[in-house]
mmCIF file of all heavy atoms, coordinates in Angstrom:
data_MODEL
# 
_entry.id   MODEL 
# 
loop_
_atom_site.group_PDB 
_atom_site.id 
_atom_site.type_symbol 
_atom_site.label_atom_id 
_atom_site.label_alt_id 
_atom_site.label_comp_id 
_atom_site.label_asym_id 
_atom_site.label_entity_id 
_atom_site.label_seq_id 
_atom_site.pdbx_PDB_ins_code 
_atom_site.Cartn_x 
_atom_site.Cartn_y 
_atom_site.Cartn_z 
_atom_site.occupancy 
_atom_site.B_iso_or_equiv 
_atom_site.pdbx_formal_charge 
_atom_site.auth_seq_id 
_atom_site.auth_comp_id 
_atom_site.auth_asym_id 
_atom_site.auth_atom_id 
_atom_site.pdbx_PDB_model_num 
ATOM 1   N N   . LEU A 1 1  ? 112.895 51.937 72.735 1.00 0.00 ? 1  LEU A N   1 
ATOM 2   C CA  . LEU A 1 1  ? 113.371 53.304 72.517 1.00 0.00 ? 1  LEU A CA  1 
ATOM 3   C C   . LEU A 1 1  ? 114.120 53.824 73.736 1.00 0.00 ? 1  LEU A C   1 
ATOM 4   O O   . LEU A 1 1  ? 115.129 54.506 73.623 1.00 0.00 ? 1  LEU A O   1 
ATOM 5   C CB  . LEU A 1 1  ? 112.195 54.238 72.213 1.00 0.00 ? 1  LEU A CB  1 
ATOM 6   C CG  . LEU A 1 1  ? 111.556 54.128 70.842 1.00 0.00 ? 1  LEU A CG  1 
ATOM 7   C CD1 . LEU A 1 1  ? 110.267 54.939 70.789 1.00 0.00 ? 1  LEU A CD1 1 
ATOM 8   C CD2 . LEU A 1 1  ? 112.521 54.605 69.772 1.00 0.00 ? 1  LEU A CD2 1 
ATOM 9   N N   . GLU A 1 2  ? 113.606 53.510 74.903 1.00 0.00 ? 2  GLU A N   1 
ATOM 10  C CA  . GLU A 1 2  ? 114.194 54.009 76.138 1.00 0.00 ? 2  GLU A CA  1 
ATOM 11  C C   . GLU A 1 2  ? 115.547 53.367 76.446 1.00 0.00 ? 2  GLU A C   1 
ATOM 12  O O   . GLU A 1 2  ? 116.476 54.033 76.899 1.00 0.00 ? 2  GLU A O   1 
ATOM 13  C CB  . GLU A 1 2  ? 113.237 53.715 77.298 1.00 0.00 ? 2  GLU A CB  1 
ATOM 14  C CG  . GLU A 1 2  ? 113.772 54.058 78.673 1.00 0.00 ? 2  GLU A CG  1 
ATOM 15  C CD  . GLU A 1 2  ? 112.854 53.554 79.769 1.00 0.00 ? 2  GLU A CD  1 
ATOM 16  O OE1 . GLU A 1 2  ? 111.708 54.039 79.829 1.00 0.00 ? 2  GLU A OE1 1 
ATOM 17  O OE2 . GLU A 1 2  ? 113.276 52.672 80.541 1.00 0.00 ? 2  GLU A OE2 1 
ATOM 18  N N   . ARG A 1 3  ? 115.676 52.064 76.150 1.00 0.00 ? 3  ARG A N   1 
ATOM 19  C CA  . ARG A 1 3  ? 116.839 51.314 76.633 1.00 0.00 ? 3  ARG A CA  1 
ATOM 20  C C   . ARG A 1 3  ? 117.915 51.055 75.589 1.00 0.00 ? 3  ARG A C   1 
ATOM 21  O O   . ARG A 1 3  ? 118.956 50.497 75.923 1.00 0.00 ? 3  ARG A O   1 
ATOM 22  C CB  . ARG A 1 3  ? 116.356 49.974 77.195 1.00 0.00 ? 3  ARG A CB  1 
ATOM 23  C CG  . ARG A 1 3  ? 115.434 50.151 78.374 1.00 0.00 ? 3  ARG A CG  1 
ATOM 24  C CD  . ARG A 1 3  ? 114.894 48.835 78.867 1.00 0.00 ? 3  ARG A CD  1 
ATOM 25  N NE  . ARG A 1 3  ? 113.928 49.062 79.935 1.00 0.00 ? 3  ARG A NE  1 
ATOM 26  C CZ  . ARG A 1 3  ? 113.314 48.100 80.585 1.00 0.00 ? 3  ARG A CZ  1 
ATOM 27  N NH1 . ARG A 1 3  ? 113.570 46.829 80.298 1.00 0.00 ? 3  ARG A NH1 1 
ATOM 28  N NH2 . ARG A 1 3  ? 112.447 48.383 81.527 1.00 0.00 ? 3  ARG A NH2 1 
ATOM 29  N N   . ALA A 1 4  ? 117.676 51.422 74.344 1.00 0.00 ? 4  ALA A N   1 
ATOM 30  C CA  . ALA A 1 4  ? 118.646 51.094 73.286 1.00 0.00 ? 4  ALA A CA  1 
ATOM 31  C C   . ALA A 1 4  ? 118.998 52.331 72.479 1.00 0.00 ? 4  ALA A C   1 
ATOM 32  O O   . ALA A 1 4  ? 118.187 53.245 72.334 1.00 0.00 ? 4  ALA A O   1 
ATOM 33  C CB  . ALA A 1 4  ? 118.060 50.021 72.378 1.00 0.00 ? 4  ALA A CB  1 
ATOM 34  N N   . ASP A 1 5  ? 120.213 52.331 71.925 1.00 0.00 ? 5  ASP A N   1 
ATOM 35  C CA  . ASP A 1 5  ? 120.625 53.461 71.096 1.00 0.00 ? 5  ASP A CA  1 
ATOM 36  C C   . ASP A 1 5  ? 120.760 53.082 69.619 1.00 0.00 ? 5  ASP A C   1 
ATOM 37  O O   . ASP A 1 5  ? 121.175 53.910 68.809 1.00 0.00 ? 5  ASP A O   1 
ATOM 38  C CB  . ASP A 1 5  ? 121.914 54.095 71.631 1.00 0.00 ? 5  ASP A CB  1 
ATOM 39  C CG  . ASP A 1 5  ? 123.085 53.118 71.670 1.00 0.00 ? 5  ASP A CG  1 
ATOM 40  O OD1 . ASP A 1 5  ? 122.897 51.921 71.370 1.00 0.00 ? 5  ASP A OD1 1 
ATOM 41  O OD2 . ASP A 1 5  ? 124.199 53.557 72.014 1.00 0.00 ? 5  ASP A OD2 1 
ATOM 42  N N   . THR A 1 6  ? 120.419 51.847 69.265 1.00 0.00 ? 6  THR A N   1 
ATOM 43  C CA  . THR A 1 6  ? 120.373 51.440 67.855 1.00 0.00 ? 6  THR A CA  1 
ATOM 44  C C   . THR A 1 6  ? 119.138 50.572 67.641 1.00 0.00 ? 6  THR A C   1 
ATOM 45  O O   . THR A 1 6  ? 118.570 50.026 68.598 1.00 0.00 ? 6  THR A O   1 
ATOM 46  C CB  . THR A 1 6  ? 121.617 50.615 67.437 1.00 0.00 ? 6  THR A CB  1 
ATOM 47  O OG1 . THR A 1 6  ? 121.574 49.342 68.090 1.00 0.00 ? 6  THR A OG1 1 
ATOM 48  C CG2 . THR A 1 6  ? 122.919 51.343 67.737 1.00 0.00 ? 6  THR A CG2 1 
ATOM 49  N N   . ALA A 1 7  ? 118.757 50.430 66.392 1.00 0.00 ? 7  ALA A N   1 
ATOM 50  C CA  . ALA A 1 7  ? 117.602 49.592 66.061 1.00 0.00 ? 7  ALA A CA  1 
ATOM 51  C C   . ALA A 1 7  ? 117.841 48.146 66.474 1.00 0.00 ? 7  ALA A C   1 
ATOM 52  O O   . ALA A 1 7  ? 116.950 47.497 67.042 1.00 0.00 ? 7  ALA A O   1 
ATOM 53  C CB  . ALA A 1 7  ? 117.302 49.687 64.561 1.00 0.00 ? 7  ALA A CB  1 
ATOM 54  N N   . GLU A 1 8  ? 119.023 47.624 66.212 1.00 0.00 ? 8  GLU A N   1 
ATOM 55  C CA  . GLU A 1 8  ? 119.284 46.225 66.553 1.00 0.00 ? 8  GLU A CA  1 
ATOM 56  C C   . GLU A 1 8  ? 119.271 46.009 68.064 1.00 0.00 ? 8  GLU A C   1 
ATOM 57  O O   . GLU A 1 8  ? 118.783 44.988 68.554 1.00 0.00 ? 8  GLU A O   1 
ATOM 58  C CB  . GLU A 1 8  ? 120.594 45.733 65.945 1.00 0.00 ? 8  GLU A CB  1 
ATOM 59  C CG  . GLU A 1 8  ? 120.769 44.243 66.137 1.00 0.00 ? 8  GLU A CG  1 
ATOM 60  C CD  . GLU A 1 8  ? 121.893 43.630 65.322 1.00 0.00 ? 8  GLU A CD  1 
ATOM 61  O OE1 . GLU A 1 8  ? 122.738 44.379 64.801 1.00 0.00 ? 8  GLU A OE1 1 
ATOM 62  O OE2 . GLU A 1 8  ? 121.901 42.396 65.208 1.00 0.00 ? 8  GLU A OE2 1 
ATOM 63  N N   . LYS A 1 9  ? 119.786 46.970 68.827 1.00 0.00 ? 9  LYS A N   1 
ATOM 64  C CA  . LYS A 1 9  ? 119.743 46.842 70.285 1.00 0.00 ? 9  LYS A CA  1 
ATOM 65  C C   . LYS A 1 9  ? 118.298 46.918 70.790 1.00 0.00 ? 9  LYS A C   1 
ATOM 66  O O   . LYS A 1 9  ? 117.928 46.215 71.731 1.00 0.00 ? 9  LYS A O   1 
ATOM 67  C CB  . LYS A 1 9  ? 120.607 47.915 70.945 1.00 0.00 ? 9  LYS A CB  1 
ATOM 68  C CG  . LYS A 1 9  ? 122.100 47.666 70.786 1.00 0.00 ? 9  LYS A CG  1 
ATOM 69  C CD  . LYS A 1 9  ? 122.900 48.782 71.433 1.00 0.00 ? 9  LYS A CD  1 
ATOM 70  C CE  . LYS A 1 9  ? 124.387 48.619 71.164 1.00 0.00 ? 9  LYS A CE  1 
ATOM 71  N NZ  . LYS A 1 9  ? 125.163 49.776 71.660 1.00 0.00 ? 9  LYS A NZ  1 
ATOM 72  N N   . ALA A 1 10 ? 117.471 47.760 70.163 1.00 0.00 ? 10 ALA A N   1 
ATOM 73  C CA  . ALA A 1 10 ? 116.051 47.831 70.531 1.00 0.00 ? 10 ALA A CA  1 
ATOM 74  C C   . ALA A 1 10 ? 115.358 46.503 70.245 1.00 0.00 ? 10 ALA A C   1 
ATOM 75  O O   . ALA A 1 10 ? 114.528 46.040 71.034 1.00 0.00 ? 10 ALA A O   1 
ATOM 76  C CB  . ALA A 1 10 ? 115.364 48.973 69.789 1.00 0.00 ? 10 ALA A CB  1 
ATOM 77  N N   . LEU A 1 11 ? 115.701 45.881 69.131 1.00 0.00 ? 11 LEU A N   1 
ATOM 78  C CA  . LEU A 1 11 ? 115.182 44.552 68.806 1.00 0.00 ? 11 LEU A CA  1 
ATOM 79  C C   . LEU A 1 11 ? 115.532 43.580 69.938 1.00 0.00 ? 11 LEU A C   1 
ATOM 80  O O   . LEU A 1 11 ? 114.672 42.831 70.411 1.00 0.00 ? 11 LEU A O   1 
ATOM 81  C CB  . LEU A 1 11 ? 115.771 44.078 67.478 1.00 0.00 ? 11 LEU A CB  1 
ATOM 82  C CG  . LEU A 1 11 ? 115.562 42.620 67.089 1.00 0.00 ? 11 LEU A CG  1 
ATOM 83  C CD1 . LEU A 1 11 ? 114.109 42.339 66.792 1.00 0.00 ? 11 LEU A CD1 1 
ATOM 84  C CD2 . LEU A 1 11 ? 116.418 42.270 65.883 1.00 0.00 ? 11 LEU A CD2 1 
ATOM 85  N N   . SER A 1 12 ? 116.767 43.599 70.395 1.00 0.00 ? 12 SER A N   1 
ATOM 86  C CA  . SER A 1 12 ? 117.193 42.712 71.477 1.00 0.00 ? 12 SER A CA  1 
ATOM 87  C C   . SER A 1 12 ? 116.426 42.991 72.771 1.00 0.00 ? 12 SER A C   1 
ATOM 88  O O   . SER A 1 12 ? 116.031 42.060 73.482 1.00 0.00 ? 12 SER A O   1 
ATOM 89  C CB  . SER A 1 12 ? 118.702 42.845 71.724 1.00 0.00 ? 12 SER A CB  1 
ATOM 90  O OG  . SER A 1 12 ? 119.410 42.373 70.603 1.00 0.00 ? 12 SER A OG  1 
ATOM 91  N N   . VAL A 1 13 ? 116.210 44.260 73.077 1.00 0.00 ? 13 VAL A N   1 
ATOM 92  C CA  . VAL A 1 13 ? 115.437 44.618 74.277 1.00 0.00 ? 13 VAL A CA  1 
ATOM 93  C C   . VAL A 1 13 ? 114.035 44.018 74.187 1.00 0.00 ? 13 VAL A C   1 
ATOM 94  O O   . VAL A 1 13 ? 113.545 43.391 75.132 1.00 0.00 ? 13 VAL A O   1 
ATOM 95  C CB  . VAL A 1 13 ? 115.355 46.156 74.444 1.00 0.00 ? 13 VAL A CB  1 
ATOM 96  C CG1 . VAL A 1 13 ? 114.303 46.546 75.471 1.00 0.00 ? 13 VAL A CG1 1 
ATOM 97  C CG2 . VAL A 1 13 ? 116.720 46.737 74.813 1.00 0.00 ? 13 VAL A CG2 1 
ATOM 98  N N   . ILE A 1 14 ? 113.398 44.179 73.052 1.00 0.00 ? 14 ILE A N   1 
ATOM 99  C CA  . ILE A 1 14 ? 112.023 43.697 72.886 1.00 0.00 ? 14 ILE A CA  1 
ATOM 100 C C   . ILE A 1 14 ? 111.954 42.178 72.984 1.00 0.00 ? 14 ILE A C   1 
ATOM 101 O O   . ILE A 1 14 ? 111.091 41.640 73.688 1.00 0.00 ? 14 ILE A O   1 
ATOM 102 C CB  . ILE A 1 14 ? 111.424 44.207 71.560 1.00 0.00 ? 14 ILE A CB  1 
ATOM 103 C CG1 . ILE A 1 14 ? 111.287 45.731 71.590 1.00 0.00 ? 14 ILE A CG1 1 
ATOM 104 C CG2 . ILE A 1 14 ? 110.065 43.550 71.297 1.00 0.00 ? 14 ILE A CG2 1 
ATOM 105 C CD1 . ILE A 1 14 ? 111.006 46.352 70.233 1.00 0.00 ? 14 ILE A CD1 1 
ATOM 106 N N   . VAL A 1 15 ? 112.855 41.470 72.311 1.00 0.00 ? 15 VAL A N   1 
ATOM 107 C CA  . VAL A 1 15 ? 112.783 40.004 72.361 1.00 0.00 ? 15 VAL A CA  1 
ATOM 108 C C   . VAL A 1 15 ? 113.162 39.474 73.746 1.00 0.00 ? 15 VAL A C   1 
ATOM 109 O O   . VAL A 1 15 ? 112.608 38.459 74.182 1.00 0.00 ? 15 VAL A O   1 
ATOM 110 C CB  . VAL A 1 15 ? 113.576 39.308 71.229 1.00 0.00 ? 15 VAL A CB  1 
ATOM 111 C CG1 . VAL A 1 15 ? 113.018 39.707 69.874 1.00 0.00 ? 15 VAL A CG1 1 
ATOM 112 C CG2 . VAL A 1 15 ? 115.057 39.565 71.312 1.00 0.00 ? 15 VAL A CG2 1 
ATOM 113 N N   . ASP A 1 16 ? 114.050 40.164 74.458 1.00 0.00 ? 16 ASP A N   1 
ATOM 114 C CA  . ASP A 1 16 ? 114.372 39.759 75.831 1.00 0.00 ? 16 ASP A CA  1 
ATOM 115 C C   . ASP A 1 16 ? 113.146 39.926 76.735 1.00 0.00 ? 16 ASP A C   1 
ATOM 116 O O   . ASP A 1 16 ? 112.852 39.056 77.561 1.00 0.00 ? 16 ASP A O   1 
ATOM 117 C CB  . ASP A 1 16 ? 115.548 40.563 76.385 1.00 0.00 ? 16 ASP A CB  1 
ATOM 118 C CG  . ASP A 1 16 ? 116.883 40.192 75.753 1.00 0.00 ? 16 ASP A CG  1 
ATOM 119 O OD1 . ASP A 1 16 ? 116.955 39.152 75.049 1.00 0.00 ? 16 ASP A OD1 1 
ATOM 120 O OD2 . ASP A 1 16 ? 117.852 40.951 75.941 1.00 0.00 ? 16 ASP A OD2 1 
ATOM 121 N N   . LEU A 1 17 ? 112.417 41.023 76.575 1.00 0.00 ? 17 LEU A N   1 
ATOM 122 C CA  . LEU A 1 17 ? 111.200 41.242 77.362 1.00 0.00 ? 17 LEU A CA  1 
ATOM 123 C C   . LEU A 1 17 ? 110.113 40.233 76.987 1.00 0.00 ? 17 LEU A C   1 
ATOM 124 O O   . LEU A 1 17 ? 109.397 39.729 77.863 1.00 0.00 ? 17 LEU A O   1 
ATOM 125 C CB  . LEU A 1 17 ? 110.691 42.675 77.163 1.00 0.00 ? 17 LEU A CB  1 
ATOM 126 C CG  . LEU A 1 17 ? 111.566 43.771 77.788 1.00 0.00 ? 17 LEU A CG  1 
ATOM 127 C CD1 . LEU A 1 17 ? 111.152 45.141 77.279 1.00 0.00 ? 17 LEU A CD1 1 
ATOM 128 C CD2 . LEU A 1 17 ? 111.509 43.705 79.301 1.00 0.00 ? 17 LEU A CD2 1 
ATOM 129 N N   . LEU A 1 18 ? 110.011 39.946 75.711 1.00 0.00 ? 18 LEU A N   1 
ATOM 130 C CA  . LEU A 1 18 ? 109.045 38.953 75.240 1.00 0.00 ? 18 LEU A CA  1 
ATOM 131 C C   . LEU A 1 18 ? 109.350 37.584 75.858 1.00 0.00 ? 18 LEU A C   1 
ATOM 132 O O   . LEU A 1 18 ? 108.454 36.880 76.333 1.00 0.00 ? 18 LEU A O   1 
ATOM 133 C CB  . LEU A 1 18 ? 109.071 38.871 73.712 1.00 0.00 ? 18 LEU A CB  1 
ATOM 134 C CG  . LEU A 1 18 ? 108.114 37.904 73.050 1.00 0.00 ? 18 LEU A CG  1 
ATOM 135 C CD1 . LEU A 1 18 ? 106.675 38.301 73.290 1.00 0.00 ? 18 LEU A CD1 1 
ATOM 136 C CD2 . LEU A 1 18 ? 108.399 37.843 71.557 1.00 0.00 ? 18 LEU A CD2 1 
ATOM 137 N N   . GLU A 1 19 ? 110.614 37.227 75.882 1.00 0.00 ? 19 GLU A N   1 
ATOM 138 C CA  . GLU A 1 19 ? 111.036 35.949 76.458 1.00 0.00 ? 19 GLU A CA  1 
ATOM 139 C C   . GLU A 1 19 ? 110.709 35.893 77.956 1.00 0.00 ? 19 GLU A C   1 
ATOM 140 O O   . GLU A 1 19 ? 110.236 34.877 78.457 1.00 0.00 ? 19 GLU A O   1 
ATOM 141 C CB  . GLU A 1 19 ? 112.539 35.758 76.236 1.00 0.00 ? 19 GLU A CB  1 
ATOM 142 C CG  . GLU A 1 19 ? 113.062 34.423 76.670 1.00 0.00 ? 19 GLU A CG  1 
ATOM 143 C CD  . GLU A 1 19 ? 112.645 33.278 75.764 1.00 0.00 ? 19 GLU A CD  1 
ATOM 144 O OE1 . GLU A 1 19 ? 112.345 33.505 74.578 1.00 0.00 ? 19 GLU A OE1 1 
ATOM 145 O OE2 . GLU A 1 19 ? 112.619 32.140 76.260 1.00 0.00 ? 19 GLU A OE2 1 
ATOM 146 N N   . LYS A 1 20 ? 110.942 37.002 78.646 1.00 0.00 ? 20 LYS A N   1 
ATOM 147 C CA  . LYS A 1 20 ? 110.745 37.027 80.096 1.00 0.00 ? 20 LYS A CA  1 
ATOM 148 C C   . LYS A 1 20 ? 109.271 37.129 80.490 1.00 0.00 ? 20 LYS A C   1 
ATOM 149 O O   . LYS A 1 20 ? 108.821 36.458 81.413 1.00 0.00 ? 20 LYS A O   1 
ATOM 150 C CB  . LYS A 1 20 ? 111.532 38.197 80.697 1.00 0.00 ? 20 LYS A CB  1 
ATOM 151 C CG  . LYS A 1 20 ? 111.514 38.242 82.205 1.00 0.00 ? 20 LYS A CG  1 
ATOM 152 C CD  . LYS A 1 20 ? 112.460 39.284 82.746 1.00 0.00 ? 20 LYS A CD  1 
ATOM 153 C CE  . LYS A 1 20 ? 112.473 39.244 84.263 1.00 0.00 ? 20 LYS A CE  1 
ATOM 154 N NZ  . LYS A 1 20 ? 113.395 40.237 84.820 1.00 0.00 ? 20 LYS A NZ  1 
ATOM 155 N N   . TYR A 1 21 ? 108.490 37.986 79.772 1.00 0.00 ? 21 TYR A N   1 
ATOM 156 C CA  . TYR A 1 21 ? 107.127 38.279 80.208 1.00 0.00 ? 21 TYR A CA  1 
ATOM 157 C C   . TYR A 1 21 ? 106.039 37.759 79.264 1.00 0.00 ? 21 TYR A C   1 
ATOM 158 O O   . TYR A 1 21 ? 104.874 37.742 79.631 1.00 0.00 ? 21 TYR A O   1 
ATOM 159 C CB  . TYR A 1 21 ? 106.942 39.796 80.381 1.00 0.00 ? 21 TYR A CB  1 
ATOM 160 C CG  . TYR A 1 21 ? 107.852 40.364 81.423 1.00 0.00 ? 21 TYR A CG  1 
ATOM 161 C CD1 . TYR A 1 21 ? 108.982 41.090 81.060 1.00 0.00 ? 21 TYR A CD1 1 
ATOM 162 C CD2 . TYR A 1 21 ? 107.604 40.159 82.772 1.00 0.00 ? 21 TYR A CD2 1 
ATOM 163 C CE1 . TYR A 1 21 ? 109.832 41.617 82.017 1.00 0.00 ? 21 TYR A CE1 1 
ATOM 164 C CE2 . TYR A 1 21 ? 108.450 40.683 83.742 1.00 0.00 ? 21 TYR A CE2 1 
ATOM 165 C CZ  . TYR A 1 21 ? 109.560 41.410 83.354 1.00 0.00 ? 21 TYR A CZ  1 
ATOM 166 O OH  . TYR A 1 21 ? 110.392 41.916 84.317 1.00 0.00 ? 21 TYR A OH  1 
ATOM 167 N N   . GLY A 1 22 ? 106.404 37.397 78.045 1.00 0.00 ? 22 GLY A N   1 
ATOM 168 C CA  . GLY A 1 22 ? 105.391 36.986 77.077 1.00 0.00 ? 22 GLY A CA  1 
ATOM 169 C C   . GLY A 1 22 ? 104.560 38.180 76.623 1.00 0.00 ? 22 GLY A C   1 
ATOM 170 O O   . GLY A 1 22 ? 104.940 39.328 76.816 1.00 0.00 ? 22 GLY A O   1 
ATOM 171 N N   . GLN A 1 23 ? 103.430 37.893 76.021 1.00 0.00 ? 23 GLN A N   1 
ATOM 172 C CA  . GLN A 1 23 ? 102.531 38.957 75.588 1.00 0.00 ? 23 GLN A CA  1 
ATOM 173 C C   . GLN A 1 23 ? 101.118 38.442 75.700 1.00 0.00 ? 23 GLN A C   1 
ATOM 174 O O   . GLN A 1 23 ? 100.870 37.259 75.846 1.00 0.00 ? 23 GLN A O   1 
ATOM 175 C CB  . GLN A 1 23 ? 102.846 39.401 74.164 1.00 0.00 ? 23 GLN A CB  1 
ATOM 176 C CG  . GLN A 1 23 ? 102.648 38.309 73.113 1.00 0.00 ? 23 GLN A CG  1 
ATOM 177 C CD  . GLN A 1 23 ? 102.991 38.791 71.723 1.00 0.00 ? 23 GLN A CD  1 
ATOM 178 O OE1 . GLN A 1 23 ? 102.729 39.925 71.369 1.00 0.00 ? 23 GLN A OE1 1 
ATOM 179 N NE2 . GLN A 1 23 ? 103.585 37.917 70.934 1.00 0.00 ? 23 GLN A NE2 1 
ATOM 180 N N   . GLY A 1 24 ? 100.193 39.342 75.594 1.00 0.00 ? 24 GLY A N   1 
ATOM 181 C CA  . GLY A 1 24 ? 98.794  38.942 75.686 1.00 0.00 ? 24 GLY A CA  1 
ATOM 182 C C   . GLY A 1 24 ? 97.981  40.042 76.310 1.00 0.00 ? 24 GLY A C   1 
ATOM 183 O O   . GLY A 1 24 ? 98.439  41.162 76.480 1.00 0.00 ? 24 GLY A O   1 
ATOM 184 N N   . GLY A 1 25 ? 96.770  39.710 76.641 1.00 0.00 ? 25 GLY A N   1 
ATOM 185 C CA  . GLY A 1 25 ? 95.867  40.695 77.220 1.00 0.00 ? 25 GLY A CA  1 
ATOM 186 C C   . GLY A 1 25 ? 94.940  41.238 76.166 1.00 0.00 ? 25 GLY A C   1 
ATOM 187 O O   . GLY A 1 25 ? 95.171  41.132 74.961 1.00 0.00 ? 25 GLY A O   1 
ATOM 188 N N   . ASN A 1 26 ? 93.857  41.797 76.647 1.00 0.00 ? 26 ASN A N   1 
ATOM 189 C CA  . ASN A 1 26 ? 92.847  42.344 75.760 1.00 0.00 ? 26 ASN A CA  1 
ATOM 190 C C   . ASN A 1 26 ? 93.363  43.629 75.122 1.00 0.00 ? 26 ASN A C   1 
ATOM 191 O O   . ASN A 1 26 ? 93.887  44.496 75.814 1.00 0.00 ? 26 ASN A O   1 
ATOM 192 C CB  . ASN A 1 26 ? 91.573  42.629 76.566 1.00 0.00 ? 26 ASN A CB  1 
ATOM 193 C CG  . ASN A 1 26 ? 90.367  42.786 75.695 1.00 0.00 ? 26 ASN A CG  1 
ATOM 194 O OD1 . ASN A 1 26 ? 90.466  42.718 74.478 1.00 0.00 ? 26 ASN A OD1 1 
ATOM 195 N ND2 . ASN A 1 26 ? 89.228  43.006 76.308 1.00 0.00 ? 26 ASN A ND2 1 
ATOM 196 N N   . CYS A 1 27 ? 93.218  43.750 73.821 1.00 0.00 ? 27 CYS A N   1 
ATOM 197 C CA  . CYS A 1 27 ? 93.714  44.962 73.153 1.00 0.00 ? 27 CYS A CA  1 
ATOM 198 C C   . CYS A 1 27 ? 92.592  45.940 72.825 1.00 0.00 ? 27 CYS A C   1 
ATOM 199 O O   . CYS A 1 27 ? 92.758  46.800 71.983 1.00 0.00 ? 27 CYS A O   1 
ATOM 200 C CB  . CYS A 1 27 ? 94.531  44.598 71.918 1.00 0.00 ? 27 CYS A CB  1 
ATOM 201 S SG  . CYS A 1 27 ? 93.840  43.361 70.870 1.00 0.00 ? 27 CYS A SG  1 
ATOM 202 N N   . MET A 1 28 ? 91.486  45.797 73.508 1.00 0.00 ? 28 MET A N   1 
ATOM 203 C CA  . MET A 1 28 ? 90.400  46.771 73.372 1.00 0.00 ? 28 MET A CA  1 
ATOM 204 C C   . MET A 1 28 ? 89.907  47.128 74.769 1.00 0.00 ? 28 MET A C   1 
ATOM 205 O O   . MET A 1 28 ? 89.961  46.307 75.677 1.00 0.00 ? 28 MET A O   1 
ATOM 206 C CB  . MET A 1 28 ? 89.244  46.186 72.554 1.00 0.00 ? 28 MET A CB  1 
ATOM 207 C CG  . MET A 1 28 ? 89.625  45.883 71.120 1.00 0.00 ? 28 MET A CG  1 
ATOM 208 S SD  . MET A 1 28 ? 88.202  45.380 70.155 1.00 0.00 ? 28 MET A SD  1 
ATOM 209 C CE  . MET A 1 28 ? 87.309  46.914 70.028 1.00 0.00 ? 28 MET A CE  1 
ATOM 210 N N   . GLU A 1 29 ? 89.418  48.351 74.929 1.00 0.00 ? 29 GLU A N   1 
ATOM 211 C CA  . GLU A 1 29 ? 88.911  48.775 76.229 1.00 0.00 ? 29 GLU A CA  1 
ATOM 212 C C   . GLU A 1 29 ? 87.558  48.152 76.546 1.00 0.00 ? 29 GLU A C   1 
ATOM 213 O O   . GLU A 1 29 ? 87.177  48.060 77.699 1.00 0.00 ? 29 GLU A O   1 
ATOM 214 C CB  . GLU A 1 29 ? 88.831  50.296 76.286 1.00 0.00 ? 29 GLU A CB  1 
ATOM 215 C CG  . GLU A 1 29 ? 90.203  50.940 76.321 1.00 0.00 ? 29 GLU A CG  1 
ATOM 216 C CD  . GLU A 1 29 ? 90.147  52.450 76.383 1.00 0.00 ? 29 GLU A CD  1 
ATOM 217 O OE1 . GLU A 1 29 ? 89.049  53.003 76.594 1.00 0.00 ? 29 GLU A OE1 1 
ATOM 218 O OE2 . GLU A 1 29 ? 91.202  53.075 76.213 1.00 0.00 ? 29 GLU A OE2 1 
# 
């Protein structure tokens, strides 16, 4: 939302971040 002005550009931002940092971690406190 912060870095893109269209849905497709937001998709690209997310997949670029996913590629660079991956995902994971505990999703509960």
